[in-house]
Amino acid sequence: RRAARRVVGAGLRRVDRRRAERERLVRR
């Protein structure tokens, strides 16, 4: 359970980074 949460959490953080990237490009 701990390993799965860590690895899947890393995937969600990738999604978070893409969202932040969109917001940055819209501002630019």
mmCIF file of all heavy atoms, coordinates in Angstrom:
data_MODEL
# 
_entry.id   MODEL 
# 
loop_
_atom_site.group_PDB 
_atom_site.id 
_atom_site.type_symbol 
_atom_site.label_atom_id 
_atom_site.label_alt_id 
_atom_site.label_comp_id 
_atom_site.label_asym_id 
_atom_site.label_entity_id 
_atom_site.label_seq_id 
_atom_site.pdbx_PDB_ins_code 
_atom_site.Cartn_x 
_atom_site.Cartn_y 
_atom_site.Cartn_z 
_atom_site.occupancy 
_atom_site.B_iso_or_equiv 
_atom_site.pdbx_formal_charge 
_atom_site.auth_seq_id 
_atom_site.auth_comp_id 
_atom_site.auth_asym_id 
_atom_site.auth_atom_id 
_atom_site.pdbx_PDB_model_num 
ATOM 1   N N   . ARG A 1 1  ? 0.837  -1.203 0.000   1.00 0.00 ? 1  ARG A N   1 
ATOM 2   C CA  . ARG A 1 1  ? 0.000  0.000  0.000   1.00 0.00 ? 1  ARG A CA  1 
ATOM 3   C C   . ARG A 1 1  ? 0.872  1.254  0.000   1.00 0.00 ? 1  ARG A C   1 
ATOM 4   O O   . ARG A 1 1  ? 0.615  2.204  -0.753  1.00 0.00 ? 1  ARG A O   1 
ATOM 5   C CB  . ARG A 1 1  ? -0.920 -0.029 1.230   1.00 0.00 ? 1  ARG A CB  1 
ATOM 6   C CG  . ARG A 1 1  ? -1.969 1.073  1.218   1.00 0.00 ? 1  ARG A CG  1 
ATOM 7   C CD  . ARG A 1 1  ? -2.925 0.944  2.400   1.00 0.00 ? 1  ARG A CD  1 
ATOM 8   N NE  . ARG A 1 1  ? -3.820 -0.209 2.214   1.00 0.00 ? 1  ARG A NE  1 
ATOM 9   C CZ  . ARG A 1 1  ? -3.746 -1.325 2.920   1.00 0.00 ? 1  ARG A CZ  1 
ATOM 10  N NH1 . ARG A 1 1  ? -2.817 -1.460 3.872   1.00 0.00 ? 1  ARG A NH1 1 
ATOM 11  N NH2 . ARG A 1 1  ? -4.596 -2.313 2.703   1.00 0.00 ? 1  ARG A NH2 1 
ATOM 12  N N   . ARG A 1 2  ? 1.920  1.246  0.790   1.00 0.00 ? 2  ARG A N   1 
ATOM 13  C CA  . ARG A 1 2  ? 2.813  2.398  0.855   1.00 0.00 ? 2  ARG A CA  1 
ATOM 14  C C   . ARG A 1 2  ? 3.509  2.629  -0.487  1.00 0.00 ? 2  ARG A C   1 
ATOM 15  O O   . ARG A 1 2  ? 3.606  3.764  -0.973  1.00 0.00 ? 2  ARG A O   1 
ATOM 16  C CB  . ARG A 1 2  ? 3.844  2.195  1.965   1.00 0.00 ? 2  ARG A CB  1 
ATOM 17  C CG  . ARG A 1 2  ? 4.742  3.415  2.188   1.00 0.00 ? 2  ARG A CG  1 
ATOM 18  C CD  . ARG A 1 2  ? 5.788  3.132  3.249   1.00 0.00 ? 2  ARG A CD  1 
ATOM 19  N NE  . ARG A 1 2  ? 5.185  2.721  4.506   1.00 0.00 ? 2  ARG A NE  1 
ATOM 20  C CZ  . ARG A 1 2  ? 5.433  1.576  5.132   1.00 0.00 ? 2  ARG A CZ  1 
ATOM 21  N NH1 . ARG A 1 2  ? 6.283  0.697  4.607   1.00 0.00 ? 2  ARG A NH1 1 
ATOM 22  N NH2 . ARG A 1 2  ? 4.842  1.284  6.279   1.00 0.00 ? 2  ARG A NH2 1 
ATOM 23  N N   . ALA A 1 3  ? 3.980  1.570  -1.108  1.00 0.00 ? 3  ALA A N   1 
ATOM 24  C CA  . ALA A 1 3  ? 4.669  1.698  -2.389  1.00 0.00 ? 3  ALA A CA  1 
ATOM 25  C C   . ALA A 1 3  ? 3.726  2.193  -3.484  1.00 0.00 ? 3  ALA A C   1 
ATOM 26  O O   . ALA A 1 3  ? 4.080  3.064  -4.295  1.00 0.00 ? 3  ALA A O   1 
ATOM 27  C CB  . ALA A 1 3  ? 5.276  0.348  -2.788  1.00 0.00 ? 3  ALA A CB  1 
ATOM 28  N N   . ALA A 1 4  ? 2.514  1.642  -3.510  1.00 0.00 ? 4  ALA A N   1 
ATOM 29  C CA  . ALA A 1 4  ? 1.548  2.059  -4.530  1.00 0.00 ? 4  ALA A CA  1 
ATOM 30  C C   . ALA A 1 4  ? 1.191  3.530  -4.375  1.00 0.00 ? 4  ALA A C   1 
ATOM 31  O O   . ALA A 1 4  ? 1.128  4.277  -5.365  1.00 0.00 ? 4  ALA A O   1 
ATOM 32  C CB  . ALA A 1 4  ? 0.295  1.195  -4.431  1.00 0.00 ? 4  ALA A CB  1 
ATOM 33  N N   . ARG A 1 5  ? 0.978  3.965  -3.143  1.00 0.00 ? 5  ARG A N   1 
ATOM 34  C CA  . ARG A 1 5  ? 0.618  5.360  -2.916  1.00 0.00 ? 5  ARG A CA  1 
ATOM 35  C C   . ARG A 1 5  ? 1.758  6.290  -3.346  1.00 0.00 ? 5  ARG A C   1 
ATOM 36  O O   . ARG A 1 5  ? 1.515  7.354  -3.936  1.00 0.00 ? 5  ARG A O   1 
ATOM 37  C CB  . ARG A 1 5  ? 0.265  5.570  -1.439  1.00 0.00 ? 5  ARG A CB  1 
ATOM 38  C CG  . ARG A 1 5  ? -0.301 6.952  -1.162  1.00 0.00 ? 5  ARG A CG  1 
ATOM 39  C CD  . ARG A 1 5  ? -0.763 7.093  0.276   1.00 0.00 ? 5  ARG A CD  1 
ATOM 40  N NE  . ARG A 1 5  ? -2.036 6.409  0.508   1.00 0.00 ? 5  ARG A NE  1 
ATOM 41  C CZ  . ARG A 1 5  ? -2.198 5.360  1.283   1.00 0.00 ? 5  ARG A CZ  1 
ATOM 42  N NH1 . ARG A 1 5  ? -1.160 4.828  1.909   1.00 0.00 ? 5  ARG A NH1 1 
ATOM 43  N NH2 . ARG A 1 5  ? -3.387 4.822  1.454   1.00 0.00 ? 5  ARG A NH2 1 
ATOM 44  N N   . ARG A 1 6  ? 2.978  5.881  -3.092  1.00 0.00 ? 6  ARG A N   1 
ATOM 45  C CA  . ARG A 1 6  ? 4.128  6.717  -3.476  1.00 0.00 ? 6  ARG A CA  1 
ATOM 46  C C   . ARG A 1 6  ? 4.236  6.827  -4.996  1.00 0.00 ? 6  ARG A C   1 
ATOM 47  O O   . ARG A 1 6  ? 4.406  7.934  -5.538  1.00 0.00 ? 6  ARG A O   1 
ATOM 48  C CB  . ARG A 1 6  ? 5.413  6.111  -2.906  1.00 0.00 ? 6  ARG A CB  1 
ATOM 49  C CG  . ARG A 1 6  ? 6.690  6.827  -3.341  1.00 0.00 ? 6  ARG A CG  1 
ATOM 50  C CD  . ARG A 1 6  ? 7.918  6.184  -2.729  1.00 0.00 ? 6  ARG A CD  1 
ATOM 51  N NE  . ARG A 1 6  ? 7.970  4.740  -2.991  1.00 0.00 ? 6  ARG A NE  1 
ATOM 52  C CZ  . ARG A 1 6  ? 8.351  4.223  -4.160  1.00 0.00 ? 6  ARG A CZ  1 
ATOM 53  N NH1 . ARG A 1 6  ? 8.700  5.017  -5.167  1.00 0.00 ? 6  ARG A NH1 1 
ATOM 54  N NH2 . ARG A 1 6  ? 8.392  2.918  -4.329  1.00 0.00 ? 6  ARG A NH2 1 
ATOM 55  N N   . VAL A 1 7  ? 4.123  5.714  -5.708  1.00 0.00 ? 7  VAL A N   1 
ATOM 56  C CA  . VAL A 1 7  ? 4.315  5.727  -7.161  1.00 0.00 ? 7  VAL A CA  1 
ATOM 57  C C   . VAL A 1 7  ? 3.154  6.428  -7.858  1.00 0.00 ? 7  VAL A C   1 
ATOM 58  O O   . VAL A 1 7  ? 3.363  7.249  -8.766  1.00 0.00 ? 7  VAL A O   1 
ATOM 59  C CB  . VAL A 1 7  ? 4.489  4.279  -7.676  1.00 0.00 ? 7  VAL A CB  1 
ATOM 60  C CG1 . VAL A 1 7  ? 4.523  4.252  -9.194  1.00 0.00 ? 7  VAL A CG1 1 
ATOM 61  C CG2 . VAL A 1 7  ? 5.766  3.667  -7.110  1.00 0.00 ? 7  VAL A CG2 1 
ATOM 62  N N   . VAL A 1 8  ? 1.923  6.129  -7.462  1.00 0.00 ? 8  VAL A N   1 
ATOM 63  C CA  . VAL A 1 8  ? 0.769  6.781  -8.079  1.00 0.00 ? 8  VAL A CA  1 
ATOM 64  C C   . VAL A 1 8  ? 0.749  8.268  -7.722  1.00 0.00 ? 8  VAL A C   1 
ATOM 65  O O   . VAL A 1 8  ? 0.392  9.119  -8.550  1.00 0.00 ? 8  VAL A O   1 
ATOM 66  C CB  . VAL A 1 8  ? -0.534 6.078  -7.659  1.00 0.00 ? 8  VAL A CB  1 
ATOM 67  C CG1 . VAL A 1 8  ? -1.758 6.866  -8.120  1.00 0.00 ? 8  VAL A CG1 1 
ATOM 68  C CG2 . VAL A 1 8  ? -0.571 4.661  -8.237  1.00 0.00 ? 8  VAL A CG2 1 
ATOM 69  N N   . GLY A 1 9  ? 1.166  8.586  -6.518  1.00 0.00 ? 9  GLY A N   1 
ATOM 70  C CA  . GLY A 1 9  ? 1.264  9.991  -6.133  1.00 0.00 ? 9  GLY A CA  1 
ATOM 71  C C   . GLY A 1 9  ? 2.227  10.760 -7.023  1.00 0.00 ? 9  GLY A C   1 
ATOM 72  O O   . GLY A 1 9  ? 1.985  11.924 -7.358  1.00 0.00 ? 9  GLY A O   1 
ATOM 73  N N   . ALA A 1 10 ? 3.322  10.105 -7.421  1.00 0.00 ? 10 ALA A N   1 
ATOM 74  C CA  . ALA A 1 10 ? 4.265  10.755 -8.344  1.00 0.00 ? 10 ALA A CA  1 
ATOM 75  C C   . ALA A 1 10 ? 3.597  11.044 -9.679  1.00 0.00 ? 10 ALA A C   1 
ATOM 76  O O   . ALA A 1 10 ? 3.836  12.081 -10.312 1.00 0.00 ? 10 ALA A O   1 
ATOM 77  C CB  . ALA A 1 10 ? 5.495  9.871  -8.524  1.00 0.00 ? 10 ALA A CB  1 
ATOM 78  N N   . GLY A 1 11 ? 2.720  10.116 -10.130 1.00 0.00 ? 11 GLY A N   1 
ATOM 79  C CA  . GLY A 1 11 ? 1.984  10.349 -11.368 1.00 0.00 ? 11 GLY A CA  1 
ATOM 80  C C   . GLY A 1 11 ? 1.048  11.531 -11.260 1.00 0.00 ? 11 GLY A C   1 
ATOM 81  O O   . GLY A 1 11 ? 0.942  12.348 -12.194 1.00 0.00 ? 11 GLY A O   1 
ATOM 82  N N   . LEU A 1 12 ? 0.362  11.665 -10.144 1.00 0.00 ? 12 LEU A N   1 
ATOM 83  C CA  . LEU A 1 12 ? -0.521 12.805 -9.949  1.00 0.00 ? 12 LEU A CA  1 
ATOM 84  C C   . LEU A 1 12 ? 0.260  14.109 -9.879  1.00 0.00 ? 12 LEU A C   1 
ATOM 85  O O   . LEU A 1 12 ? -0.217 15.156 -10.328 1.00 0.00 ? 12 LEU A O   1 
ATOM 86  C CB  . LEU A 1 12 ? -1.358 12.615 -8.689  1.00 0.00 ? 12 LEU A CB  1 
ATOM 87  C CG  . LEU A 1 12 ? -2.503 11.599 -8.811  1.00 0.00 ? 12 LEU A CG  1 
ATOM 88  C CD1 . LEU A 1 12 ? -3.137 11.348 -7.455  1.00 0.00 ? 12 LEU A CD1 1 
ATOM 89  C CD2 . LEU A 1 12 ? -3.552 12.071 -9.815  1.00 0.00 ? 12 LEU A CD2 1 
ATOM 90  N N   . ARG A 1 13 ? 1.464  14.059 -9.331  1.00 0.00 ? 13 ARG A N   1 
ATOM 91  C CA  . ARG A 1 13 ? 2.279  15.278 -9.313  1.00 0.00 ? 13 ARG A CA  1 
ATOM 92  C C   . ARG A 1 13 ? 2.700  15.679 -10.727 1.00 0.00 ? 13 ARG A C   1 
ATOM 93  O O   . ARG A 1 13 ? 2.860  16.874 -11.014 1.00 0.00 ? 13 ARG A O   1 
ATOM 94  C CB  . ARG A 1 13 ? 3.494  15.087 -8.401  1.00 0.00 ? 13 ARG A CB  1 
ATOM 95  C CG  . ARG A 1 13 ? 3.134  15.089 -6.913  1.00 0.00 ? 13 ARG A CG  1 
ATOM 96  C CD  . ARG A 1 13 ? 4.355  15.192 -6.023  1.00 0.00 ? 13 ARG A CD  1 
ATOM 97  N NE  . ARG A 1 13 ? 5.194  13.997 -6.095  1.00 0.00 ? 13 ARG A NE  1 
ATOM 98  C CZ  . ARG A 1 13 ? 4.982  12.883 -5.403  1.00 0.00 ? 13 ARG A CZ  1 
ATOM 99  N NH1 . ARG A 1 13 ? 3.945  12.807 -4.588  1.00 0.00 ? 13 ARG A NH1 1 
ATOM 100 N NH2 . ARG A 1 13 ? 5.810  11.852 -5.516  1.00 0.00 ? 13 ARG A NH2 1 
ATOM 101 N N   . ARG A 1 14 ? 2.869  14.712 -11.618 1.00 0.00 ? 14 ARG A N   1 
ATOM 102 C CA  . ARG A 1 14 ? 3.109  15.046 -13.033 1.00 0.00 ? 14 ARG A CA  1 
ATOM 103 C C   . ARG A 1 14 ? 1.911  15.789 -13.613 1.00 0.00 ? 14 ARG A C   1 
ATOM 104 O O   . ARG A 1 14 ? 2.062  16.773 -14.350 1.00 0.00 ? 14 ARG A O   1 
ATOM 105 C CB  . ARG A 1 14 ? 3.361  13.782 -13.854 1.00 0.00 ? 14 ARG A CB  1 
ATOM 106 C CG  . ARG A 1 14 ? 4.741  13.179 -13.715 1.00 0.00 ? 14 ARG A CG  1 
ATOM 107 C CD  . ARG A 1 14 ? 4.900  12.005 -14.680 1.00 0.00 ? 14 ARG A CD  1 
ATOM 108 N NE  . ARG A 1 14 ? 4.715  12.406 -16.057 1.00 0.00 ? 14 ARG A NE  1 
ATOM 109 C CZ  . ARG A 1 14 ? 4.413  11.576 -17.054 1.00 0.00 ? 14 ARG A CZ  1 
ATOM 110 N NH1 . ARG A 1 14 ? 4.222  10.275 -16.805 1.00 0.00 ? 14 ARG A NH1 1 
ATOM 111 N NH2 . ARG A 1 14 ? 4.294  12.008 -18.290 1.00 0.00 ? 14 ARG A NH2 1 
ATOM 112 N N   . VAL A 1 15 ? 0.711  15.324 -13.286 1.00 0.00 ? 15 VAL A N   1 
ATOM 113 C CA  . VAL A 1 15 ? -0.503 16.016 -13.730 1.00 0.00 ? 15 VAL A CA  1 
ATOM 114 C C   . VAL A 1 15 ? -0.530 17.432 -13.164 1.00 0.00 ? 15 VAL A C   1 
ATOM 115 O O   . VAL A 1 15 ? -0.859 18.393 -13.875 1.00 0.00 ? 15 VAL A O   1 
ATOM 116 C CB  . VAL A 1 15 ? -1.754 15.214 -13.300 1.00 0.00 ? 15 VAL A CB  1 
ATOM 117 C CG1 . VAL A 1 15 ? -3.030 16.015 -13.567 1.00 0.00 ? 15 VAL A CG1 1 
ATOM 118 C CG2 . VAL A 1 15 ? -1.808 13.859 -14.012 1.00 0.00 ? 15 VAL A CG2 1 
ATOM 119 N N   . ASP A 1 16 ? -0.170 17.581 -11.903 1.00 0.00 ? 16 ASP A N   1 
ATOM 120 C CA  . ASP A 1 16 ? -0.130 18.909 -11.283 1.00 0.00 ? 16 ASP A CA  1 
ATOM 121 C C   . ASP A 1 16 ? 0.840  19.831 -12.019 1.00 0.00 ? 16 ASP A C   1 
ATOM 122 O O   . ASP A 1 16 ? 0.560  21.022 -12.225 1.00 0.00 ? 16 ASP A O   1 
ATOM 123 C CB  . ASP A 1 16 ? 0.305  18.802 -9.821  1.00 0.00 ? 16 ASP A CB  1 
ATOM 124 C CG  . ASP A 1 16 ? -0.707 18.072 -8.953  1.00 0.00 ? 16 ASP A CG  1 
ATOM 125 O OD1 . ASP A 1 16 ? -1.877 17.963 -9.349  1.00 0.00 ? 16 ASP A OD1 1 
ATOM 126 O OD2 . ASP A 1 16 ? -0.307 17.597 -7.866  1.00 0.00 ? 16 ASP A OD2 1 
ATOM 127 N N   . ARG A 1 17 ? 1.990  19.303 -12.402 1.00 0.00 ? 17 ARG A N   1 
ATOM 128 C CA  . ARG A 1 17 ? 2.983  20.129 -13.110 1.00 0.00 ? 17 ARG A CA  1 
ATOM 129 C C   . ARG A 1 17 ? 2.454  20.562 -14.473 1.00 0.00 ? 17 ARG A C   1 
ATOM 130 O O   . ARG A 1 17 ? 2.714  21.695 -14.896 1.00 0.00 ? 17 ARG A O   1 
ATOM 131 C CB  . ARG A 1 17 ? 4.300  19.365 -13.264 1.00 0.00 ? 17 ARG A CB  1 
ATOM 132 C CG  . ARG A 1 17 ? 5.062  19.206 -11.941 1.00 0.00 ? 17 ARG A CG  1 
ATOM 133 C CD  . ARG A 1 17 ? 6.491  18.764 -12.172 1.00 0.00 ? 17 ARG A CD  1 
ATOM 134 N NE  . ARG A 1 17 ? 6.590  17.414 -12.721 1.00 0.00 ? 17 ARG A NE  1 
ATOM 135 C CZ  . ARG A 1 17 ? 6.609  16.304 -11.999 1.00 0.00 ? 17 ARG A CZ  1 
ATOM 136 N NH1 . ARG A 1 17 ? 6.525  16.366 -10.670 1.00 0.00 ? 17 ARG A NH1 1 
ATOM 137 N NH2 . ARG A 1 17 ? 6.739  15.122 -12.573 1.00 0.00 ? 17 ARG A NH2 1 
ATOM 138 N N   . ARG A 1 18 ? 1.711  19.685 -15.153 1.00 0.00 ? 18 ARG A N   1 
ATOM 139 C CA  . ARG A 1 18 ? 1.163  20.075 -16.461 1.00 0.00 ? 18 ARG A CA  1 
ATOM 140 C C   . ARG A 1 18 ? 0.089  21.152 -16.300 1.00 0.00 ? 18 ARG A C   1 
ATOM 141 O O   . ARG A 1 18 ? -0.023 22.049 -17.135 1.00 0.00 ? 18 ARG A O   1 
ATOM 142 C CB  . ARG A 1 18 ? 0.584  18.858 -17.199 1.00 0.00 ? 18 ARG A CB  1 
ATOM 143 C CG  . ARG A 1 18 ? 1.573  17.726 -17.494 1.00 0.00 ? 18 ARG A CG  1 
ATOM 144 C CD  . ARG A 1 18 ? 2.927  18.199 -18.040 1.00 0.00 ? 18 ARG A CD  1 
ATOM 145 N NE  . ARG A 1 18 ? 2.885  18.958 -19.246 1.00 0.00 ? 18 ARG A NE  1 
ATOM 146 C CZ  . ARG A 1 18 ? 2.925  18.445 -20.491 1.00 0.00 ? 18 ARG A CZ  1 
ATOM 147 N NH1 . ARG A 1 18 ? 2.981  17.147 -20.674 1.00 0.00 ? 18 ARG A NH1 1 
ATOM 148 N NH2 . ARG A 1 18 ? 2.924  19.227 -21.549 1.00 0.00 ? 18 ARG A NH2 1 
ATOM 149 N N   . ARG A 1 19 ? -0.685 21.052 -15.226 1.00 0.00 ? 19 ARG A N   1 
ATOM 150 C CA  . ARG A 1 19 ? -1.675 22.105 -14.973 1.00 0.00 ? 19 ARG A CA  1 
ATOM 151 C C   . ARG A 1 19 ? -0.988 23.439 -14.704 1.00 0.00 ? 19 ARG A C   1 
ATOM 152 O O   . ARG A 1 19 ? -1.391 24.485 -15.248 1.00 0.00 ? 19 ARG A O   1 
ATOM 153 C CB  . ARG A 1 19 ? -2.558 21.718 -13.781 1.00 0.00 ? 19 ARG A CB  1 
ATOM 154 C CG  . ARG A 1 19 ? -3.536 22.808 -13.386 1.00 0.00 ? 19 ARG A CG  1 
ATOM 155 C CD  . ARG A 1 19 ? -4.477 22.362 -12.285 1.00 0.00 ? 19 ARG A CD  1 
ATOM 156 N NE  . ARG A 1 19 ? -5.423 23.421 -11.936 1.00 0.00 ? 19 ARG A NE  1 
ATOM 157 C CZ  . ARG A 1 19 ? -6.537 23.246 -11.251 1.00 0.00 ? 19 ARG A CZ  1 
ATOM 158 N NH1 . ARG A 1 19 ? -6.864 22.030 -10.823 1.00 0.00 ? 19 ARG A NH1 1 
ATOM 159 N NH2 . ARG A 1 19 ? -7.345 24.263 -10.974 1.00 0.00 ? 19 ARG A NH2 1 
ATOM 160 N N   . ALA A 1 20 ? 0.043  23.417 -13.883 1.00 0.00 ? 20 ALA A N   1 
ATOM 161 C CA  . ALA A 1 20 ? 0.775  24.646 -13.592 1.00 0.00 ? 20 ALA A CA  1 
ATOM 162 C C   . ALA A 1 20 ? 1.413  25.207 -14.860 1.00 0.00 ? 20 ALA A C   1 
ATOM 163 O O   . ALA A 1 20 ? 1.469  26.433 -15.052 1.00 0.00 ? 20 ALA A O   1 
ATOM 164 C CB  . ALA A 1 20 ? 1.844  24.382 -12.531 1.00 0.00 ? 20 ALA A CB  1 
ATOM 165 N N   . GLU A 1 21 ? 1.875  24.324 -15.728 1.00 0.00 ? 21 GLU A N   1 
ATOM 166 C CA  . GLU A 1 21 ? 2.459  24.752 -16.998 1.00 0.00 ? 21 GLU A CA  1 
ATOM 167 C C   . GLU A 1 21 ? 1.413  25.467 -17.848 1.00 0.00 ? 21 GLU A C   1 
ATOM 168 O O   . GLU A 1 21 ? 1.687  26.516 -18.444 1.00 0.00 ? 21 GLU A O   1 
ATOM 169 C CB  . GLU A 1 21 ? 2.998  23.522 -17.731 1.00 0.00 ? 21 GLU A CB  1 
ATOM 170 C CG  . GLU A 1 21 ? 3.699  23.813 -19.042 1.00 0.00 ? 21 GLU A CG  1 
ATOM 171 C CD  . GLU A 1 21 ? 4.216  22.522 -19.674 1.00 0.00 ? 21 GLU A CD  1 
ATOM 172 O OE1 . GLU A 1 21 ? 3.470  21.516 -19.703 1.00 0.00 ? 21 GLU A OE1 1 
ATOM 173 O OE2 . GLU A 1 21 ? 5.356  22.534 -20.142 1.00 0.00 ? 21 GLU A OE2 1 
ATOM 174 N N   . ARG A 1 22 ? 0.186  24.911 -17.922 1.00 0.00 ? 22 ARG A N   1 
ATOM 175 C CA  . ARG A 1 22 ? -0.878 25.576 -18.676 1.00 0.00 ? 22 ARG A CA  1 
ATOM 176 C C   . ARG A 1 22 ? -1.143 26.965 -18.129 1.00 0.00 ? 22 ARG A C   1 
ATOM 177 O O   . ARG A 1 22 ? -1.242 27.949 -18.884 1.00 0.00 ? 22 ARG A O   1 
ATOM 178 C CB  . ARG A 1 22 ? -2.165 24.753 -18.622 1.00 0.00 ? 22 ARG A CB  1 
ATOM 179 C CG  . ARG A 1 22 ? -3.333 25.427 -19.364 1.00 0.00 ? 22 ARG A CG  1 
ATOM 180 C CD  . ARG A 1 22 ? -4.689 24.820 -19.010 1.00 0.00 ? 22 ARG A CD  1 
ATOM 181 N NE  . ARG A 1 22 ? -4.724 23.413 -19.300 1.00 0.00 ? 22 ARG A NE  1 
ATOM 182 C CZ  . ARG A 1 22 ? -4.846 22.468 -18.367 1.00 0.00 ? 22 ARG A CZ  1 
ATOM 183 N NH1 . ARG A 1 22 ? -4.925 22.798 -17.079 1.00 0.00 ? 22 ARG A NH1 1 
ATOM 184 N NH2 . ARG A 1 22 ? -4.893 21.194 -18.704 1.00 0.00 ? 22 ARG A NH2 1 
ATOM 185 N N   . GLU A 1 23 ? -1.271 27.059 -16.813 1.00 0.00 ? 23 GLU A N   1 
ATOM 186 C CA  . GLU A 1 23 ? -1.574 28.346 -16.198 1.00 0.00 ? 23 GLU A CA  1 
ATOM 187 C C   . GLU A 1 23 ? -0.472 29.363 -16.478 1.00 0.00 ? 23 GLU A C   1 
ATOM 188 O O   . GLU A 1 23 ? -0.755 30.547 -16.715 1.00 0.00 ? 23 GLU A O   1 
ATOM 189 C CB  . GLU A 1 23 ? -1.784 28.146 -14.694 1.00 0.00 ? 23 GLU A CB  1 
ATOM 190 C CG  . GLU A 1 23 ? -3.040 27.330 -14.377 1.00 0.00 ? 23 GLU A CG  1 
ATOM 191 C CD  . GLU A 1 23 ? -3.120 26.859 -12.946 1.00 0.00 ? 23 GLU A CD  1 
ATOM 192 O OE1 . GLU A 1 23 ? -2.118 27.048 -12.194 1.00 0.00 ? 23 GLU A OE1 1 
ATOM 193 O OE2 . GLU A 1 23 ? -4.159 26.300 -12.550 1.00 0.00 ? 23 GLU A OE2 1 
ATOM 194 N N   . ARG A 1 24 ? 0.762  28.901 -16.487 1.00 0.00 ? 24 ARG A N   1 
ATOM 195 C CA  . ARG A 1 24 ? 1.882  29.795 -16.778 1.00 0.00 ? 24 ARG A CA  1 
ATOM 196 C C   . ARG A 1 24 ? 1.832  30.274 -18.237 1.00 0.00 ? 24 ARG A C   1 
ATOM 197 O O   . ARG A 1 24 ? 2.059  31.463 -18.527 1.00 0.00 ? 24 ARG A O   1 
ATOM 198 C CB  . ARG A 1 24 ? 3.196  29.057 -16.515 1.00 0.00 ? 24 ARG A CB  1 
ATOM 199 C CG  . ARG A 1 24 ? 4.436  29.941 -16.704 1.00 0.00 ? 24 ARG A CG  1 
ATOM 200 C CD  . ARG A 1 24 ? 5.686  29.239 -16.215 1.00 0.00 ? 24 ARG A CD  1 
ATOM 201 N NE  . ARG A 1 24 ? 6.006  28.028 -16.992 1.00 0.00 ? 24 ARG A NE  1 
ATOM 202 C CZ  . ARG A 1 24 ? 5.851  26.784 -16.560 1.00 0.00 ? 24 ARG A CZ  1 
ATOM 203 N NH1 . ARG A 1 24 ? 5.383  26.553 -15.339 1.00 0.00 ? 24 ARG A NH1 1 
ATOM 204 N NH2 . ARG A 1 24 ? 6.177  25.759 -17.319 1.00 0.00 ? 24 ARG A NH2 1 
ATOM 205 N N   . LEU A 1 25 ? 1.503  29.364 -19.172 1.00 0.00 ? 25 LEU A N   1 
ATOM 206 C CA  . LEU A 1 25 ? 1.444  29.734 -20.589 1.00 0.00 ? 25 LEU A CA  1 
ATOM 207 C C   . LEU A 1 25 ? 0.272  30.666 -20.878 1.00 0.00 ? 25 LEU A C   1 
ATOM 208 O O   . LEU A 1 25 ? 0.382  31.567 -21.715 1.00 0.00 ? 25 LEU A O   1 
ATOM 209 C CB  . LEU A 1 25 ? 1.364  28.478 -21.451 1.00 0.00 ? 25 LEU A CB  1 
ATOM 210 C CG  . LEU A 1 25 ? 2.621  27.598 -21.440 1.00 0.00 ? 25 LEU A CG  1 
ATOM 211 C CD1 . LEU A 1 25 ? 2.393  26.323 -22.228 1.00 0.00 ? 25 LEU A CD1 1 
ATOM 212 C CD2 . LEU A 1 25 ? 3.829  28.356 -21.990 1.00 0.00 ? 25 LEU A CD2 1 
ATOM 213 N N   . VAL A 1 26 ? -0.860 30.454 -20.196 1.00 0.00 ? 26 VAL A N   1 
ATOM 214 C CA  . VAL A 1 26 ? -1.994 31.359 -20.384 1.00 0.00 ? 26 VAL A CA  1 
ATOM 215 C C   . VAL A 1 26 ? -1.620 32.759 -19.900 1.00 0.00 ? 26 VAL A C   1 
ATOM 216 O O   . VAL A 1 26 ? -1.963 33.765 -20.541 1.00 0.00 ? 26 VAL A O   1 
ATOM 217 C CB  . VAL A 1 26 ? -3.244 30.823 -19.643 1.00 0.00 ? 26 VAL A CB  1 
ATOM 218 C CG1 . VAL A 1 26 ? -4.339 31.889 -19.613 1.00 0.00 ? 26 VAL A CG1 1 
ATOM 219 C CG2 . VAL A 1 26 ? -3.763 29.551 -20.316 1.00 0.00 ? 26 VAL A CG2 1 
ATOM 220 N N   . ARG A 1 27 ? -0.908 32.837 -18.793 1.00 0.00 ? 27 ARG A N   1 
ATOM 221 C CA  . ARG A 1 27 ? -0.460 34.162 -18.322 1.00 0.00 ? 27 ARG A CA  1 
ATOM 222 C C   . ARG A 1 27 ? 0.509  34.791 -19.322 1.00 0.00 ? 27 ARG A C   1 
ATOM 223 O O   . ARG A 1 27 ? 0.470  36.005 -19.549 1.00 0.00 ? 27 ARG A O   1 
ATOM 224 C CB  . ARG A 1 27 ? 0.214  34.037 -16.953 1.00 0.00 ? 27 ARG A CB  1 
ATOM 225 C CG  . ARG A 1 27 ? -0.738 33.750 -15.805 1.00 0.00 ? 27 ARG A CG  1 
ATOM 226 C CD  . ARG A 1 27 ? -0.069 33.999 -14.459 1.00 0.00 ? 27 ARG A CD  1 
ATOM 227 N NE  . ARG A 1 27 ? 1.093  33.127 -14.259 1.00 0.00 ? 27 ARG A NE  1 
ATOM 228 C CZ  . ARG A 1 27 ? 1.040  31.922 -13.696 1.00 0.00 ? 27 ARG A CZ  1 
ATOM 229 N NH1 . ARG A 1 27 ? -0.120 31.435 -13.284 1.00 0.00 ? 27 ARG A NH1 1 
ATOM 230 N NH2 . ARG A 1 27 ? 2.136  31.186 -13.540 1.00 0.00 ? 27 ARG A NH2 1 
ATOM 231 N N   . ARG A 1 28 ? 1.369  33.969 -19.923 1.00 0.00 ? 28 ARG A N   1 
ATOM 232 C CA  . ARG A 1 28 ? 2.370  34.498 -20.846 1.00 0.00 ? 28 ARG A CA  1 
ATOM 233 C C   . ARG A 1 28 ? 1.744  34.924 -22.170 1.00 0.00 ? 28 ARG A C   1 
ATOM 234 O O   . ARG A 1 28 ? 2.018  36.021 -22.680 1.00 0.00 ? 28 ARG A O   1 
ATOM 235 C CB  . ARG A 1 28 ? 3.444  33.444 -21.097 1.00 0.00 ? 28 ARG A CB  1 
ATOM 236 C CG  . ARG A 1 28 ? 4.538  33.901 -22.071 1.00 0.00 ? 28 ARG A CG  1 
ATOM 237 C CD  . ARG A 1 28 ? 5.501  32.764 -22.388 1.00 0.00 ? 28 ARG A CD  1 
ATOM 238 N NE  . ARG A 1 28 ? 6.109  32.217 -21.183 1.00 0.00 ? 28 ARG A NE  1 
ATOM 239 C CZ  . ARG A 1 28 ? 6.806  31.085 -21.149 1.00 0.00 ? 28 ARG A CZ  1 
ATOM 240 N NH1 . ARG A 1 28 ? 6.971  30.371 -22.255 1.00 0.00 ? 28 ARG A NH1 1 
ATOM 241 N NH2 . ARG A 1 28 ? 7.344  30.662 -20.018 1.00 0.00 ? 28 ARG A NH2 1 
# 
